[in-house]
Amino acid sequence: MWSRREVVDYALQRRNRLAAARRPQRSLDSSELCDADPLLLRAARHHGEAVDLACPICAAPHLVNLNYVFGDQLGQYSGRIKSSAELDEMENQFGEFKVRVVEVCTECGWNQMISSYLLGDGVTRRPPRRQPTVEDIYG
């Protein structure tokens, strides 16, 4: 991705959370670590991109990444999950939007935001016209 900028890596936060779970006095318990929302787990099962890492909690090989996109120029499409291939196309179509990458284990429910960054070519554009959705049609 040629336009990737303002990258924030959450590796220290992730490491701190995992260290807190492994401490003898255990300031975090596994129910607090593996607290993924059911909708996040469903999204991970159906839209996640597999990662070559094992889950840091349960060691299952079912760790996936989700790319959420946000931005004013995306219009009603802001807040959706996109694949890496779609992100490559979008960076030429939109001026600026934020991508947040979340790792999720579909087995135990571990989830952590691992990075966020901006993409886009820098040209300000109007958001696309609003398209009617199923909610608009059927209420």
Protein backbone atom coordinates (compact mmCIF):
# COMPACT_ATOMS: atom_id res chain seq x y z
CA MET A 1 0.00 0.00 0.00
CA TRP A 2 1.81 3.03 -1.31
CA SER A 3 -0.17 5.67 0.63
CA ARG A 4 0.10 4.14 4.10
CA ARG A 5 0.90 6.83 6.70
CA GLU A 6 0.37 7.79 10.34
CA VAL A 7 0.84 4.18 11.43
CA VAL A 8 0.12 3.39 15.09
CA ASP A 9 1.24 -0.03 16.35
CA TYR A 10 -0.46 -1.39 19.47
CA ALA A 11 2.15 -4.09 20.15
CA LEU A 12 3.09 -2.65 23.57
CA GLN A 13 -0.53 -2.56 24.68
CA ARG A 14 -0.98 -6.16 23.50
CA ARG A 15 2.19 -7.27 25.27
CA ASN A 16 1.10 -5.53 28.48
CA ARG A 17 -2.31 -7.22 28.37
CA LEU A 18 -0.76 -10.65 27.86
CA ALA A 19 1.81 -10.06 30.62
CA ALA A 20 -0.98 -9.08 33.02
CA ALA A 21 -2.71 -12.39 32.31
CA ARG A 22 0.47 -14.38 33.01
CA ARG A 23 1.40 -12.69 36.30
CA PRO A 24 1.04 -14.84 39.44
CA GLN A 25 -1.36 -12.34 41.07
CA ARG A 26 -3.32 -12.20 37.78
CA SER A 27 -4.68 -8.72 37.44
CA LEU A 28 -6.59 -9.95 34.36
CA ASP A 29 -8.42 -13.22 34.07
CA SER A 30 -9.13 -15.12 30.84
CA SER A 31 -12.79 -14.08 30.78
CA GLU A 32 -11.65 -10.44 30.55
CA LEU A 33 -9.08 -11.27 27.86
CA CYS A 34 -11.39 -13.39 25.72
CA ASP A 35 -14.41 -11.11 25.72
CA ALA A 36 -15.11 -10.77 21.99
CA ASP A 37 -18.58 -9.60 21.06
CA PRO A 38 -20.62 -12.27 19.22
CA LEU A 39 -20.85 -9.99 16.18
CA LEU A 40 -17.05 -9.61 16.14
CA LEU A 41 -16.64 -13.40 16.27
CA ARG A 42 -19.13 -13.85 13.44
CA ALA A 43 -17.33 -11.24 11.34
CA ALA A 44 -14.00 -12.97 12.08
CA ARG A 45 -15.34 -16.35 10.95
CA HIS A 46 -16.75 -15.05 7.69
CA HIS A 47 -14.54 -12.09 6.73
CA GLY A 48 -11.26 -12.56 8.60
CA GLU A 49 -7.93 -12.99 6.86
CA ALA A 50 -5.96 -15.88 8.34
CA VAL A 51 -2.64 -15.07 10.04
CA ASP A 52 0.32 -17.45 10.42
CA LEU A 53 0.33 -16.96 14.20
CA ALA A 54 -1.23 -19.03 16.95
CA CYS A 55 -3.55 -17.46 19.49
CA PRO A 56 -1.52 -16.13 22.46
CA ILE A 57 -4.17 -17.39 24.92
CA CYS A 58 -5.36 -20.81 23.71
CA ALA A 59 -2.60 -21.58 21.13
CA ALA A 60 -5.23 -22.43 18.48
CA PRO A 61 -4.21 -21.70 14.88
CA HIS A 62 -7.46 -19.80 14.24
CA LEU A 63 -6.17 -16.24 14.54
CA VAL A 64 -7.52 -13.83 11.91
CA ASN A 65 -7.22 -10.12 11.14
CA LEU A 66 -10.14 -7.82 10.35
CA ASN A 67 -9.60 -4.48 8.54
CA TYR A 68 -12.22 -1.92 9.54
CA VAL A 69 -12.36 1.28 7.46
CA PHE A 70 -13.60 4.67 8.70
CA GLY A 71 -13.78 8.08 7.07
CA ASP A 72 -16.03 10.96 6.05
CA GLN A 73 -15.31 10.40 2.37
CA LEU A 74 -16.58 6.80 2.59
CA GLY A 75 -20.14 7.94 3.34
CA GLN A 76 -22.44 5.08 4.36
CA TYR A 77 -19.61 2.60 3.74
CA SER A 78 -17.65 3.86 6.76
CA GLY A 79 -17.28 1.24 9.49
CA ARG A 80 -17.23 -1.76 7.17
CA ILE A 81 -14.77 -4.64 6.95
CA LYS A 82 -12.55 -4.75 3.87
CA SER A 83 -10.01 -7.28 2.62
CA SER A 84 -6.41 -6.31 1.89
CA ALA A 85 -7.12 -6.48 -1.85
CA GLU A 86 -10.05 -4.08 -1.44
CA LEU A 87 -7.83 -1.69 0.54
CA ASP A 88 -5.36 -1.61 -2.36
CA GLU A 89 -8.18 -0.52 -4.69
CA MET A 90 -9.69 1.95 -2.21
CA GLU A 91 -6.49 3.91 -1.65
CA ASN A 92 -6.75 5.18 -5.24
CA GLN A 93 -10.49 5.93 -5.03
CA PHE A 94 -10.66 7.93 -1.79
CA GLY A 95 -8.66 10.87 -0.47
CA GLU A 96 -8.24 9.75 3.11
CA PHE A 97 -9.65 7.06 5.37
CA LYS A 98 -8.52 5.29 8.50
CA VAL A 99 -7.95 1.53 8.70
CA ARG A 100 -8.05 -0.25 12.05
CA VAL A 101 -6.72 -3.81 12.16
CA VAL A 102 -8.12 -6.11 14.85
CA GLU A 103 -6.84 -9.62 15.54
CA VAL A 104 -9.43 -12.14 16.70
CA CYS A 105 -9.24 -15.79 17.76
CA THR A 106 -12.37 -17.59 16.63
CA GLU A 107 -11.81 -20.34 19.21
CA CYS A 108 -11.46 -18.51 22.53
CA GLY A 109 -12.59 -14.97 21.67
CA TRP A 110 -9.26 -13.17 22.17
CA ASN A 111 -9.31 -9.81 20.39
CA GLN A 112 -6.95 -6.87 20.26
CA MET A 113 -6.51 -3.90 17.97
CA ILE A 114 -3.02 -4.36 16.57
CA SER A 115 -2.59 -1.30 14.34
CA SER A 116 -4.24 1.67 12.72
CA TYR A 117 -3.16 3.78 9.77
CA LEU A 118 -4.37 6.21 7.12
CA LEU A 119 -4.74 5.38 3.45
CA GLY A 120 -5.78 7.44 0.45
CA ASP A 121 -4.32 9.58 -2.28
CA GLY A 122 -4.88 12.90 -0.47
CA VAL A 123 -7.40 14.33 -2.95
CA THR A 124 -10.53 15.49 -1.12
CA ARG A 125 -13.71 14.01 -2.60
CA ARG A 126 -17.39 14.08 -1.79
CA PRO A 127 -18.79 10.90 -0.24
CA PRO A 128 -20.60 8.57 -2.66
CA ARG A 129 -24.35 9.00 -3.06
CA ARG A 130 -26.33 7.21 -0.43
CA GLN A 131 -27.74 3.95 -1.75
CA PRO A 132 -30.96 2.53 -0.26
CA THR A 133 -30.33 -0.41 2.05
CA VAL A 134 -32.57 -3.25 3.21
CA GLU A 135 -33.24 -1.32 6.43
CA ASP A 136 -34.48 1.65 4.40
CA ILE A 137 -36.80 -0.53 2.32
CA TYR A 138 -38.26 -2.79 5.02
CA GLY A 139 -37.83 -0.54 8.06
